[in-house]
Amino acid sequence: DPAAPDDYPQRLSHISAIEACYSVAGDESYILLVRVASPAGLEDLLRQ
């Protein structure tokens, strides 16, 4: 929802697998750098 508040960094700060959160220009609002143990771990992280 483009009208939603831009508070994604705060909403995601509790997820320790996110190493960095970058606010970016372009189609996306943010890009996250994440590190996980496995593809299944990545799938779970994306759900979170």
PDB file of all heavy atoms in Angstrom:
ATOM      1  N   ASP A   1       0.863  -1.184   0.000  1.00  0.00           N
ATOM      2  CA  ASP A   1       0.000   0.000   0.000  1.00  0.00           C
ATOM      3  C   ASP A   1       0.897   1.231   0.000  1.00  0.00           C
ATOM      4  O   ASP A   1       1.515   1.549   1.014  1.00  0.00           O
ATOM      5  CB  ASP A   1      -0.897  -0.012   1.241  1.00  0.00           C
ATOM      6  CG  ASP A   1      -1.764   1.231   1.373  1.00  0.00           C
ATOM      7  OD1 ASP A   1      -1.758   2.079   0.438  1.00  0.00           O
ATOM      8  OD2 ASP A   1      -2.444   1.365   2.402  1.00  0.00           O
ATOM      9  N   PRO A   2       0.978   1.958  -1.115  1.00  0.00           N
ATOM     10  CA  PRO A   2       1.857   3.132  -1.177  1.00  0.00           C
ATOM     11  C   PRO A   2       1.509   4.207  -0.146  1.00  0.00           C
ATOM     12  O   PRO A   2       2.355   5.028   0.185  1.00  0.00           O
ATOM     13  CB  PRO A   2       1.651   3.672  -2.597  1.00  0.00           C
ATOM     14  CG  PRO A   2       1.089   2.536  -3.375  1.00  0.00           C
ATOM     15  CD  PRO A   2       0.324   1.695  -2.392  1.00  0.00           C
ATOM     16  N   ALA A   3       0.306   4.191   0.381  1.00  0.00           N
ATOM     17  CA  ALA A   3      -0.093   5.189   1.373  1.00  0.00           C
ATOM     18  C   ALA A   3       0.291   4.774   2.799  1.00  0.00           C
ATOM     19  O   ALA A   3       0.130   5.549   3.738  1.00  0.00           O
ATOM     20  CB  ALA A   3      -1.597   5.417   1.298  1.00  0.00           C
ATOM     21  N   ALA A   4       0.831   3.551   2.959  1.00  0.00           N
ATOM     22  CA  ALA A   4       1.204   3.070   4.298  1.00  0.00           C
ATOM     23  C   ALA A   4       2.364   3.901   4.844  1.00  0.00           C
ATOM     24  O   ALA A   4       3.182   4.420   4.080  1.00  0.00           O
ATOM     25  CB  ALA A   4       1.597   1.599   4.229  1.00  0.00           C
ATOM     26  N   PRO A   5       2.453   4.042   6.166  1.00  0.00           N
ATOM     27  CA  PRO A   5       3.564   4.805   6.741  1.00  0.00           C
ATOM     28  C   PRO A   5       4.908   4.148   6.402  1.00  0.00           C
ATOM     29  O   PRO A   5       5.011   2.933   6.290  1.00  0.00           O
ATOM     30  CB  PRO A   5       3.299   4.770   8.250  1.00  0.00           C
ATOM     31  CG  PRO A   5       2.239   3.759   8.467  1.00  0.00           C
ATOM     32  CD  PRO A   5       1.562   3.486   7.165  1.00  0.00           C
ATOM     33  N   ASP A   6       5.918   4.982   6.257  1.00  0.00           N
ATOM     34  CA  ASP A   6       7.261   4.501   5.914  1.00  0.00           C
ATOM     35  C   ASP A   6       8.022   4.198   7.206  1.00  0.00           C
ATOM     36  O   ASP A   6       8.947   4.900   7.585  1.00  0.00           O
ATOM     37  CB  ASP A   6       7.978   5.570   5.093  1.00  0.00           C
ATOM     38  CG  ASP A   6       9.335   5.119   4.606  1.00  0.00           C
ATOM     39  OD1 ASP A   6       9.713   3.962   4.854  1.00  0.00           O
ATOM     40  OD2 ASP A   6      10.034   5.934   3.993  1.00  0.00           O
ATOM     41  N   ASP A   7       7.607   3.132   7.885  1.00  0.00           N
ATOM     42  CA  ASP A   7       8.230   2.767   9.165  1.00  0.00           C
ATOM     43  C   ASP A   7       8.809   1.348   9.122  1.00  0.00           C
ATOM     44  O   ASP A   7       8.903   0.672  10.134  1.00  0.00           O
ATOM     45  CB  ASP A   7       7.230   2.915  10.310  1.00  0.00           C
ATOM     46  CG  ASP A   7       6.001   2.029  10.137  1.00  0.00           C
ATOM     47  OD1 ASP A   7       5.850   1.381   9.078  1.00  0.00           O
ATOM     48  OD2 ASP A   7       5.176   1.995  11.072  1.00  0.00           O
ATOM     49  N   TYR A   8       9.216   0.912   7.936  1.00  0.00           N
ATOM     50  CA  TYR A   8       9.710  -0.458   7.783  1.00  0.00           C
ATOM     51  C   TYR A   8      10.943  -0.758   8.634  1.00  0.00           C
ATOM     52  O   TYR A   8      11.016  -1.831   9.237  1.00  0.00           O
ATOM     53  CB  TYR A   8       9.967  -0.777   6.305  1.00  0.00           C
ATOM     54  CG  TYR A   8       8.764  -0.492   5.445  1.00  0.00           C
ATOM     55  CD1 TYR A   8       8.829   0.443   4.438  1.00  0.00           C
ATOM     56  CD2 TYR A   8       7.557  -1.143   5.681  1.00  0.00           C
ATOM     57  CE1 TYR A   8       7.702   0.728   3.659  1.00  0.00           C
ATOM     58  CE2 TYR A   8       6.436  -0.860   4.904  1.00  0.00           C
ATOM     59  CZ  TYR A   8       6.525   0.078   3.895  1.00  0.00           C
ATOM     60  OH  TYR A   8       5.423   0.354   3.141  1.00  0.00           O
ATOM     61  N   PRO A   9      11.915   0.159   8.720  1.00  0.00           N
ATOM     62  CA  PRO A   9      13.072  -0.160   9.566  1.00  0.00           C
ATOM     63  C   PRO A   9      12.678  -0.469  11.012  1.00  0.00           C
ATOM     64  O   PRO A   9      13.199  -1.406  11.614  1.00  0.00           O
ATOM     65  CB  PRO A   9      13.940   1.099   9.476  1.00  0.00           C
ATOM     66  CG  PRO A   9      13.588   1.691   8.142  1.00  0.00           C
ATOM     67  CD  PRO A   9      12.105   1.414   7.987  1.00  0.00           C
ATOM     68  N   GLN A  10      11.724   0.286  11.550  1.00  0.00           N
ATOM     69  CA  GLN A  10      11.274   0.032  12.920  1.00  0.00           C
ATOM     70  C   GLN A  10      10.526  -1.296  13.009  1.00  0.00           C
ATOM     71  O   GLN A  10      10.698  -2.048  13.972  1.00  0.00           O
ATOM     72  CB  GLN A  10      10.376   1.174  13.415  1.00  0.00           C
ATOM     73  CG  GLN A  10      11.075   2.501  13.552  1.00  0.00           C
ATOM     74  CD  GLN A  10      11.202   3.264  12.235  1.00  0.00           C
ATOM     75  OE1 GLN A  10      10.690   2.866  11.190  1.00  0.00           O
ATOM     76  NE2 GLN A  10      11.925   4.378  12.271  1.00  0.00           N
ATOM     77  N   ARG A  11       9.704  -1.590  12.027  1.00  0.00           N
ATOM     78  CA  ARG A  11       8.941  -2.838  12.039  1.00  0.00           C
ATOM     79  C   ARG A  11       9.844  -4.072  11.940  1.00  0.00           C
ATOM     80  O   ARG A  11       9.452  -5.157  12.356  1.00  0.00           O
ATOM     81  CB  ARG A  11       7.959  -2.880  10.871  1.00  0.00           C
ATOM     82  CG  ARG A  11       6.807  -1.934  10.986  1.00  0.00           C
ATOM     83  CD  ARG A  11       5.854  -2.211   9.856  1.00  0.00           C
ATOM     84  NE  ARG A  11       4.934  -1.118   9.630  1.00  0.00           N
ATOM     85  CZ  ARG A  11       3.905  -1.193   8.817  1.00  0.00           C
ATOM     86  NH1 ARG A  11       3.665  -2.291   8.135  1.00  0.00           N
ATOM     87  NH2 ARG A  11       3.110  -0.164   8.654  1.00  0.00           N
ATOM     88  N   LEU A  12      11.030  -3.902  11.359  1.00  0.00           N
ATOM     89  CA  LEU A  12      11.919  -5.041  11.119  1.00  0.00           C
ATOM     90  C   LEU A  12      13.108  -5.101  12.061  1.00  0.00           C
ATOM     91  O   LEU A  12      13.885  -6.054  12.016  1.00  0.00           O
ATOM     92  CB  LEU A  12      12.415  -4.992   9.665  1.00  0.00           C
ATOM     93  CG  LEU A  12      11.319  -5.049   8.601  1.00  0.00           C
ATOM     94  CD1 LEU A  12      11.901  -4.772   7.234  1.00  0.00           C
ATOM     95  CD2 LEU A  12      10.624  -6.399   8.639  1.00  0.00           C
ATOM     96  N   SER A  13      13.276  -4.126  12.919  1.00  0.00           N
ATOM     97  CA  SER A  13      14.483  -4.041  13.751  1.00  0.00           C
ATOM     98  C   SER A  13      14.669  -5.241  14.682  1.00  0.00           C
ATOM     99  O   SER A  13      15.791  -5.543  15.079  1.00  0.00           O
ATOM    100  CB  SER A  13      14.491  -2.745  14.554  1.00  0.00           C
ATOM    101  OG  SER A  13      13.416  -2.733  15.468  1.00  0.00           O
ATOM    102  N   HIS A  14      13.609  -5.952  14.997  1.00  0.00           N
ATOM    103  CA  HIS A  14      13.701  -7.106  15.895  1.00  0.00           C
ATOM    104  C   HIS A  14      14.237  -8.360  15.205  1.00  0.00           C
ATOM    105  O   HIS A  14      14.544  -9.349  15.873  1.00  0.00           O
ATOM    106  CB  HIS A  14      12.327  -7.398  16.510  1.00  0.00           C
ATOM    107  CG  HIS A  14      11.333  -7.911  15.514  1.00  0.00           C
ATOM    108  ND1 HIS A  14      10.684  -7.074  14.623  1.00  0.00           N
ATOM    109  CD2 HIS A  14      10.892  -9.165  15.243  1.00  0.00           C
ATOM    110  CE1 HIS A  14       9.881  -7.804  13.856  1.00  0.00           C
ATOM    111  NE2 HIS A  14       9.982  -9.077  14.215  1.00  0.00           N
ATOM    112  N   ILE A  15      14.368  -8.350  13.893  1.00  0.00           N
ATOM    113  CA  ILE A  15      14.799  -9.543  13.154  1.00  0.00           C
ATOM    114  C   ILE A  15      16.320  -9.524  13.035  1.00  0.00           C
ATOM    115  O   ILE A  15      16.886  -8.759  12.246  1.00  0.00           O
ATOM    116  CB  ILE A  15      14.128  -9.617  11.768  1.00  0.00           C
ATOM    117  CG1 ILE A  15      12.596  -9.617  11.923  1.00  0.00           C
ATOM    118  CG2 ILE A  15      14.600 -10.852  11.015  1.00  0.00           C
ATOM    119  CD1 ILE A  15      11.829  -9.540  10.600  1.00  0.00           C
ATOM    120  N   SER A  16      16.981 -10.359  13.813  1.00  0.00           N
ATOM    121  CA  SER A  16      18.446 -10.313  13.897  1.00  0.00           C
ATOM    122  C   SER A  16      19.158 -10.789  12.638  1.00  0.00           C
ATOM    123  O   SER A  16      20.330 -10.456  12.441  1.00  0.00           O
ATOM    124  CB  SER A  16      18.927 -11.125  15.102  1.00  0.00           C
ATOM    125  OG  SER A  16      18.553 -12.487  14.942  1.00  0.00           O
ATOM    126  N   ALA A  17      18.499 -11.516  11.762  1.00  0.00           N
ATOM    127  CA  ALA A  17      19.125 -11.968  10.518  1.00  0.00           C
ATOM    128  C   ALA A  17      19.336 -10.825   9.531  1.00  0.00           C
ATOM    129  O   ALA A  17      20.065 -10.971   8.557  1.00  0.00           O
ATOM    130  CB  ALA A  17      18.297 -13.074   9.872  1.00  0.00           C
ATOM    131  N   ILE A  18      18.710  -9.679   9.786  1.00  0.00           N
ATOM    132  CA  ILE A  18      18.897  -8.503   8.936  1.00  0.00           C
ATOM    133  C   ILE A  18      20.141  -7.780   9.428  1.00  0.00           C
ATOM    134  O   ILE A  18      20.159  -7.215  10.516  1.00  0.00           O
ATOM    135  CB  ILE A  18      17.671  -7.579   8.964  1.00  0.00           C
ATOM    136  CG1 ILE A  18      16.426  -8.311   8.483  1.00  0.00           C
ATOM    137  CG2 ILE A  18      17.942  -6.327   8.119  1.00  0.00           C
ATOM    138  CD1 ILE A  18      15.126  -7.524   8.653  1.00  0.00           C
ATOM    139  N   GLU A  19      21.190  -7.812   8.609  1.00  0.00           N
ATOM    140  CA  GLU A  19      22.459  -7.186   8.986  1.00  0.00           C
ATOM    141  C   GLU A  19      22.446  -5.687   8.696  1.00  0.00           C
ATOM    142  O   GLU A  19      23.059  -4.909   9.422  1.00  0.00           O
ATOM    143  CB  GLU A  19      23.595  -7.854   8.232  1.00  0.00           C
ATOM    144  CG  GLU A  19      24.964  -7.373   8.640  1.00  0.00           C
ATOM    145  CD  GLU A  19      26.059  -8.170   7.990  1.00  0.00           C
ATOM    146  OE1 GLU A  19      26.039  -9.419   8.066  1.00  0.00           O
ATOM    147  OE2 GLU A  19      26.950  -7.540   7.395  1.00  0.00           O
ATOM    148  N   ALA A  20      21.803  -5.274   7.606  1.00  0.00           N
ATOM    149  CA  ALA A  20      21.759  -3.861   7.241  1.00  0.00           C
ATOM    150  C   ALA A  20      20.445  -3.564   6.541  1.00  0.00           C
ATOM    151  O   ALA A  20      19.864  -4.430   5.887  1.00  0.00           O
ATOM    152  CB  ALA A  20      22.933  -3.513   6.325  1.00  0.00           C
ATOM    153  N   CYS A  21      19.994  -2.321   6.678  1.00  0.00           N
ATOM    154  CA  CYS A  21      18.766  -1.853   6.032  1.00  0.00           C
ATOM    155  C   CYS A  21      19.106  -0.526   5.358  1.00  0.00           C
ATOM    156  O   CYS A  21      19.491   0.433   6.026  1.00  0.00           O
ATOM    157  CB  CYS A  21      17.669  -1.666   7.079  1.00  0.00           C
ATOM    158  SG  CYS A  21      16.132  -0.988   6.412  1.00  0.00           S
ATOM    159  N   TYR A  22      18.982  -0.490   4.025  1.00  0.00           N
ATOM    160  CA  TYR A  22      19.322   0.685   3.238  1.00  0.00           C
ATOM    161  C   TYR A  22      18.065   1.299   2.646  1.00  0.00           C
ATOM    162  O   TYR A  22      17.300   0.612   1.969  1.00  0.00           O
ATOM    163  CB  TYR A  22      20.260   0.313   2.082  1.00  0.00           C
ATOM    164  CG  TYR A  22      21.511  -0.402   2.504  1.00  0.00           C
ATOM    165  CD1 TYR A  22      21.606  -1.788   2.394  1.00  0.00           C
ATOM    166  CD2 TYR A  22      22.604   0.297   3.005  1.00  0.00           C
ATOM    167  CE1 TYR A  22      22.761  -2.456   2.770  1.00  0.00           C
ATOM    168  CE2 TYR A  22      23.765  -0.369   3.392  1.00  0.00           C
ATOM    169  CZ  TYR A  22      23.841  -1.738   3.266  1.00  0.00           C
ATOM    170  OH  TYR A  22      24.979  -2.399   3.642  1.00  0.00           O
ATOM    171  N   SER A  23      17.845   2.593   2.874  1.00  0.00           N
ATOM    172  CA  SER A  23      16.782   3.323   2.201  1.00  0.00           C
ATOM    173  C   SER A  23      17.312   3.669   0.813  1.00  0.00           C
ATOM    174  O   SER A  23      18.428   4.190   0.686  1.00  0.00           O
ATOM    175  CB  SER A  23      16.456   4.605   2.975  1.00  0.00           C
ATOM    176  OG  SER A  23      15.497   5.367   2.277  1.00  0.00           O
ATOM    177  N   VAL A  24      16.533   3.360  -0.224  1.00  0.00           N
ATOM    178  CA  VAL A  24      17.032   3.516  -1.590  1.00  0.00           C
ATOM    179  C   VAL A  24      16.042   4.279  -2.468  1.00  0.00           C
ATOM    180  O   VAL A  24      14.848   4.336  -2.179  1.00  0.00           O
ATOM    181  CB  VAL A  24      17.331   2.141  -2.241  1.00  0.00           C
ATOM    182  CG1 VAL A  24      18.439   1.421  -1.482  1.00  0.00           C
ATOM    183  CG2 VAL A  24      16.087   1.268  -2.311  1.00  0.00           C
ATOM    184  N   ALA A  25      16.572   4.832  -3.551  1.00  0.00           N
ATOM    185  CA  ALA A  25      15.745   5.458  -4.576  1.00  0.00           C
ATOM    186  C   ALA A  25      15.426   4.396  -5.620  1.00  0.00           C
ATOM    187  O   ALA A  25      16.205   3.463  -5.818  1.00  0.00           O
ATOM    188  CB  ALA A  25      16.496   6.622  -5.214  1.00  0.00           C
ATOM    189  N   GLY A  26      14.290   4.521  -6.249  1.00  0.00           N
ATOM    190  CA  GLY A  26      13.919   3.558  -7.273  1.00  0.00           C
ATOM    191  C   GLY A  26      12.581   2.929  -6.957  1.00  0.00           C
ATOM    192  O   GLY A  26      11.796   3.455  -6.161  1.00  0.00           O
ATOM    193  N   ASP A  27      12.317   1.784  -7.570  1.00  0.00           N
ATOM    194  CA  ASP A  27      11.039   1.106  -7.363  1.00  0.00           C
ATOM    195  C   ASP A  27      10.877   0.596  -5.940  1.00  0.00           C
ATOM    196  O   ASP A  27       9.782   0.604  -5.388  1.00  0.00           O
ATOM    197  CB  ASP A  27      10.889  -0.065  -8.340  1.00  0.00           C
ATOM    198  CG  ASP A  27      10.753   0.406  -9.774  1.00  0.00           C
ATOM    199  OD1 ASP A  27      10.315   1.556  -9.995  1.00  0.00           O
ATOM    200  OD2 ASP A  27      11.087  -0.382 -10.676  1.00  0.00           O
ATOM    201  N   GLU A  28      11.968   0.119  -5.344  1.00  0.00           N
ATOM    202  CA  GLU A  28      11.912  -0.379  -3.972  1.00  0.00           C
ATOM    203  C   GLU A  28      12.087   0.771  -2.991  1.00  0.00           C
ATOM    204  O   GLU A  28      12.653   1.814  -3.330  1.00  0.00           O
ATOM    205  CB  GLU A  28      13.022  -1.417  -3.719  1.00  0.00           C
ATOM    206  CG  GLU A  28      12.849  -2.701  -4.488  1.00  0.00           C
ATOM    207  CD  GLU A  28      13.538  -2.694  -5.847  1.00  0.00           C
ATOM    208  OE1 GLU A  28      14.278  -1.731  -6.138  1.00  0.00           O
ATOM    209  OE2 GLU A  28      13.343  -3.642  -6.602  1.00  0.00           O
ATOM    210  N   SER A  29      11.636   0.560  -1.764  1.00  0.00           N
ATOM    211  CA  SER A  29      11.812   1.560  -0.709  1.00  0.00           C
ATOM    212  C   SER A  29      13.079   1.298   0.095  1.00  0.00           C
ATOM    213  O   SER A  29      13.770   2.223   0.497  1.00  0.00           O
ATOM    214  CB  SER A  29      10.620   1.539   0.246  1.00  0.00           C
ATOM    215  OG  SER A  29       9.449   1.889  -0.432  1.00  0.00           O
ATOM    216  N   TYR A  30      13.343   0.012   0.338  1.00  0.00           N
ATOM    217  CA  TYR A  30      14.494  -0.385   1.147  1.00  0.00           C
ATOM    218  C   TYR A  30      15.099  -1.647   0.554  1.00  0.00           C
ATOM    219  O   TYR A  30      14.410  -2.432  -0.098  1.00  0.00           O
ATOM    220  CB  TYR A  30      14.078  -0.685   2.602  1.00  0.00           C
ATOM    221  CG  TYR A  30      13.635   0.547   3.342  1.00  0.00           C
ATOM    222  CD1 TYR A  30      12.306   0.954   3.326  1.00  0.00           C
ATOM    223  CD2 TYR A  30      14.551   1.317   4.051  1.00  0.00           C
ATOM    224  CE1 TYR A  30      11.899   2.099   3.980  1.00  0.00           C
ATOM    225  CE2 TYR A  30      14.151   2.464   4.718  1.00  0.00           C
ATOM    226  CZ  TYR A  30      12.829   2.848   4.676  1.00  0.00           C
ATOM    227  OH  TYR A  30      12.428   3.988   5.329  1.00  0.00           O
ATOM    228  N   ILE A  31      16.386  -1.828   0.825  1.00  0.00           N
ATOM    229  CA  ILE A  31      17.053  -3.086   0.507  1.00  0.00           C
ATOM    230  C   ILE A  31      17.708  -3.575   1.789  1.00  0.00           C
ATOM    231  O   ILE A  31      18.412  -2.823   2.467  1.00  0.00           O
ATOM    232  CB  ILE A  31      18.096  -2.924  -0.617  1.00  0.00           C
ATOM    233  CG1 ILE A  31      17.405  -2.510  -1.916  1.00  0.00           C
ATOM    234  CG2 ILE A  31      18.870  -4.228  -0.818  1.00  0.00           C
ATOM    235  CD1 ILE A  31      18.337  -2.259  -3.075  1.00  0.00           C
ATOM    236  N   LEU A  32      17.456  -4.823   2.120  1.00  0.00           N
ATOM    237  CA  LEU A  32      18.013  -5.441   3.318  1.00  0.00           C
ATOM    238  C   LEU A  32      19.170  -6.352   2.931  1.00  0.00           C
ATOM    239  O   LEU A  32      19.102  -7.063   1.932  1.00  0.00           O
ATOM    240  CB  LEU A  32      16.961  -6.292   4.028  1.00  0.00           C
ATOM    241  CG  LEU A  32      15.605  -5.657   4.306  1.00  0.00           C
ATOM    242  CD1 LEU A  32      14.663  -6.689   4.908  1.00  0.00           C
ATOM    243  CD2 LEU A  32      15.757  -4.445   5.203  1.00  0.00           C
ATOM    244  N   LEU A  33      20.215  -6.357   3.736  1.00  0.00           N
ATOM    245  CA  LEU A  33      21.289  -7.337   3.632  1.00  0.00           C
ATOM    246  C   LEU A  33      21.027  -8.355   4.729  1.00  0.00           C
ATOM    247  O   LEU A  33      20.958  -7.994   5.910  1.00  0.00           O
ATOM    248  CB  LEU A  33      22.655  -6.681   3.826  1.00  0.00           C
ATOM    249  CG  LEU A  33      23.862  -7.603   3.992  1.00  0.00           C
ATOM    250  CD1 LEU A  33      24.054  -8.477   2.765  1.00  0.00           C
ATOM    251  CD2 LEU A  33      25.116  -6.805   4.282  1.00  0.00           C
ATOM    252  N   VAL A  34      20.833  -9.612   4.332  1.00  0.00           N
ATOM    253  CA  VAL A  34      20.493 -10.646   5.316  1.00  0.00           C
ATOM    254  C   VAL A  34      21.474 -11.810   5.227  1.00  0.00           C
ATOM    255  O   VAL A  34      22.051 -12.061   4.175  1.00  0.00           O
ATOM    256  CB  VAL A  34      19.042 -11.164   5.122  1.00  0.00           C
ATOM    257  CG1 VAL A  34      18.047 -10.008   5.214  1.00  0.00           C
ATOM    258  CG2 VAL A  34      18.872 -11.899   3.809  1.00  0.00           C
ATOM    259  N   ARG A  35      21.641 -12.507   6.333  1.00  0.00           N
ATOM    260  CA  ARG A  35      22.490 -13.700   6.381  1.00  0.00           C
ATOM    261  C   ARG A  35      21.742 -14.771   7.168  1.00  0.00           C
ATOM    262  O   ARG A  35      21.265 -14.521   8.276  1.00  0.00           O
ATOM    263  CB  ARG A  35      23.819 -13.394   7.042  1.00  0.00           C
ATOM    264  CG  ARG A  35      24.612 -12.332   6.276  1.00  0.00           C
ATOM    265  CD  ARG A  35      26.022 -12.217   6.790  1.00  0.00           C
ATOM    266  NE  ARG A  35      26.659 -11.001   6.354  1.00  0.00           N
ATOM    267  CZ  ARG A  35      27.380 -10.869   5.242  1.00  0.00           C
ATOM    268  NH1 ARG A  35      27.531 -11.892   4.435  1.00  0.00           N
ATOM    269  NH2 ARG A  35      27.943  -9.723   4.940  1.00  0.00           N
ATOM    270  N   VAL A  36      21.645 -15.957   6.547  1.00  0.00           N
ATOM    271  CA  VAL A  36      20.906 -17.066   7.158  1.00  0.00           C
ATOM    272  C   VAL A  36      21.669 -18.368   6.957  1.00  0.00           C
ATOM    273  O   VAL A  36      22.642 -18.430   6.194  1.00  0.00           O
ATOM    274  CB  VAL A  36      19.476 -17.182   6.570  1.00  0.00           C
ATOM    275  CG1 VAL A  36      18.628 -15.988   6.964  1.00  0.00           C
ATOM    276  CG2 VAL A  36      19.516 -17.332   5.057  1.00  0.00           C
ATOM    277  N   ALA A  37      21.195 -19.417   7.602  1.00  0.00           N
ATOM    278  CA  ALA A  37      21.878 -20.706   7.578  1.00  0.00           C
ATOM    279  C   ALA A  37      21.582 -21.538   6.337  1.00  0.00           C
ATOM    280  O   ALA A  37      22.396 -22.363   5.942  1.00  0.00           O
ATOM    281  CB  ALA A  37      21.523 -21.503   8.832  1.00  0.00           C
ATOM    282  N   SER A  38      20.398 -21.316   5.711  1.00  0.00           N
ATOM    283  CA  SER A  38      19.993 -22.229   4.644  1.00  0.00           C
ATOM    284  C   SER A  38      18.893 -21.601   3.793  1.00  0.00           C
ATOM    285  O   SER A  38      18.292 -20.599   4.195  1.00  0.00           O
ATOM    286  CB  SER A  38      19.444 -23.516   5.265  1.00  0.00           C
ATOM    287  OG  SER A  38      18.251 -23.216   5.990  1.00  0.00           O
ATOM    288  N   PRO A  39      18.600 -22.224   2.651  1.00  0.00           N
ATOM    289  CA  PRO A  39      17.447 -21.754   1.874  1.00  0.00           C
ATOM    290  C   PRO A  39      16.152 -21.775   2.680  1.00  0.00           C
ATOM    291  O   PRO A  39      15.332 -20.856   2.568  1.00  0.00           O
ATOM    292  CB  PRO A  39      17.400 -22.723   0.690  1.00  0.00           C
ATOM    293  CG  PRO A  39      18.830 -23.146   0.512  1.00  0.00           C
ATOM    294  CD  PRO A  39      19.363 -23.244   1.925  1.00  0.00           C
ATOM    295  N   ALA A  40      15.962 -22.787   3.507  1.00  0.00           N
ATOM    296  CA  ALA A  40      14.767 -22.836   4.357  1.00  0.00           C
ATOM    297  C   ALA A  40      14.761 -21.663   5.336  1.00  0.00           C
ATOM    298  O   ALA A  40      13.710 -21.080   5.621  1.00  0.00           O
ATOM    299  CB  ALA A  40      14.693 -24.163   5.110  1.00  0.00           C
ATOM    300  N   GLY A  41      15.940 -21.313   5.845  1.00  0.00           N
ATOM    301  CA  GLY A  41      16.052 -20.158   6.735  1.00  0.00           C
ATOM    302  C   GLY A  41      15.706 -18.868   6.018  1.00  0.00           C
ATOM    303  O   GLY A  41      15.062 -17.979   6.586  1.00  0.00           O
ATOM    304  N   LEU A  42      16.116 -18.759   4.758  1.00  0.00           N
ATOM    305  CA  LEU A  42      15.777 -17.580   3.963  1.00  0.00           C
ATOM    306  C   LEU A  42      14.271 -17.514   3.727  1.00  0.00           C
ATOM    307  O   LEU A  42      13.653 -16.453   3.849  1.00  0.00           O
ATOM    308  CB  LEU A  42      16.531 -17.584   2.633  1.00  0.00           C
ATOM    309  CG  LEU A  42      16.267 -16.401   1.704  1.00  0.00           C
ATOM    310  CD1 LEU A  42      16.593 -15.075   2.375  1.00  0.00           C
ATOM    311  CD2 LEU A  42      17.050 -16.570   0.409  1.00  0.00           C
ATOM    312  N   GLU A  43      13.686 -18.639   3.409  1.00  0.00           N
ATOM    313  CA  GLU A  43      12.236 -18.687   3.190  1.00  0.00           C
ATOM    314  C   GLU A  43      11.483 -18.241   4.441  1.00  0.00           C
ATOM    315  O   GLU A  43      10.541 -17.445   4.375  1.00  0.00           O
ATOM    316  CB  GLU A  43      11.837 -20.105   2.793  1.00  0.00           C
ATOM    317  CG  GLU A  43      10.401 -20.244   2.374  1.00  0.00           C
ATOM    318  CD  GLU A  43      10.090 -21.635   1.836  1.00  0.00           C
ATOM    319  OE1 GLU A  43      10.732 -22.625   2.265  1.00  0.00           O
ATOM    320  OE2 GLU A  43       9.197 -21.728   0.994  1.00  0.00           O
ATOM    321  N   ASP A  44      11.926 -18.705   5.612  1.00  0.00           N
ATOM    322  CA  ASP A  44      11.292 -18.312   6.873  1.00  0.00           C
ATOM    323  C   ASP A  44      11.498 -16.818   7.128  1.00  0.00           C
ATOM    324  O   ASP A  44      10.569 -16.115   7.542  1.00  0.00           O
ATOM    325  CB  ASP A  44      11.860 -19.142   8.028  1.00  0.00           C
ATOM    326  CG  ASP A  44      11.180 -18.810   9.337  1.00  0.00           C
ATOM    327  OD1 ASP A  44       9.931 -18.885   9.402  1.00  0.00           O
ATOM    328  OD2 ASP A  44      11.901 -18.461  10.306  1.00  0.00           O
ATOM    329  N   LEU A  45      12.694 -16.328   6.864  1.00  0.00           N
ATOM    330  CA  LEU A  45      12.980 -14.904   7.054  1.00  0.00           C
ATOM    331  C   LEU A  45      12.095 -14.042   6.155  1.00  0.00           C
ATOM    332  O   LEU A  45      11.535 -13.037   6.602  1.00  0.00           O
ATOM    333  CB  LEU A  45      14.456 -14.621   6.774  1.00  0.00           C
ATOM    334  CG  LEU A  45      14.850 -13.143   6.797  1.00  0.00           C
ATOM    335  CD1 LEU A  45      14.672 -12.550   8.182  1.00  0.00           C
ATOM    336  CD2 LEU A  45      16.281 -12.978   6.325  1.00  0.00           C
ATOM    337  N   LEU A  46      11.933 -14.437   4.899  1.00  0.00           N
ATOM    338  CA  LEU A  46      11.088 -13.673   3.979  1.00  0.00           C
ATOM    339  C   LEU A  46       9.648 -13.625   4.474  1.00  0.00           C
ATOM    340  O   LEU A  46       8.982 -12.580   4.393  1.00  0.00           O
ATOM    341  CB  LEU A  46      11.160 -14.263   2.571  1.00  0.00           C
ATOM    342  CG  LEU A  46      12.517 -14.121   1.878  1.00  0.00           C
ATOM    343  CD1 LEU A  46      12.528 -14.897   0.575  1.00  0.00           C
ATOM    344  CD2 LEU A  46      12.866 -12.659   1.663  1.00  0.00           C
ATOM    345  N   ARG A  47       9.178 -14.728   5.018  1.00  0.00           N
ATOM    346  CA  ARG A  47       7.826 -14.752   5.595  1.00  0.00           C
ATOM    347  C   ARG A  47       7.722 -13.760   6.746  1.00  0.00           C
ATOM    348  O   ARG A  47       6.774 -12.978   6.839  1.00  0.00           O
ATOM    349  CB  ARG A  47       7.477 -16.167   6.071  1.00  0.00           C
ATOM    350  CG  ARG A  47       6.068 -16.303   6.661  1.00  0.00           C
ATOM    351  CD  ARG A  47       5.855 -17.627   7.383  1.00  0.00           C
ATOM    352  NE  ARG A  47       6.898 -17.961   8.354  1.00  0.00           N
ATOM    353  CZ  ARG A  47       7.045 -17.370   9.553  1.00  0.00           C
ATOM    354  NH1 ARG A  47       6.215 -16.414   9.924  1.00  0.00           N
ATOM    355  NH2 ARG A  47       8.007 -17.735  10.374  1.00  0.00           N
ATOM    356  N   GLN A  48       8.737 -13.760   7.627  1.00  0.00           N
ATOM    357  CA  GLN A  48       8.749 -12.831   8.763  1.00  0.00           C
ATOM    358  C   GLN A  48       8.743 -11.376   8.296  1.00  0.00           C
ATOM    359  O   GLN A  48       8.016 -10.544   8.847  1.00  0.00           O
ATOM    360  CB  GLN A  48       9.989 -13.060   9.633  1.00  0.00           C
ATOM    361  CG  GLN A  48      10.015 -14.336  10.423  1.00  0.00           C
ATOM    362  CD  GLN A  48      11.330 -14.446  11.177  1.00  0.00           C
ATOM    363  OE1 GLN A  48      11.715 -13.534  11.901  1.00  0.00           O
ATOM    364  NE2 GLN A  48      12.038 -15.555  10.986  1.00  0.00           N
TER     365      GLN A  48
END
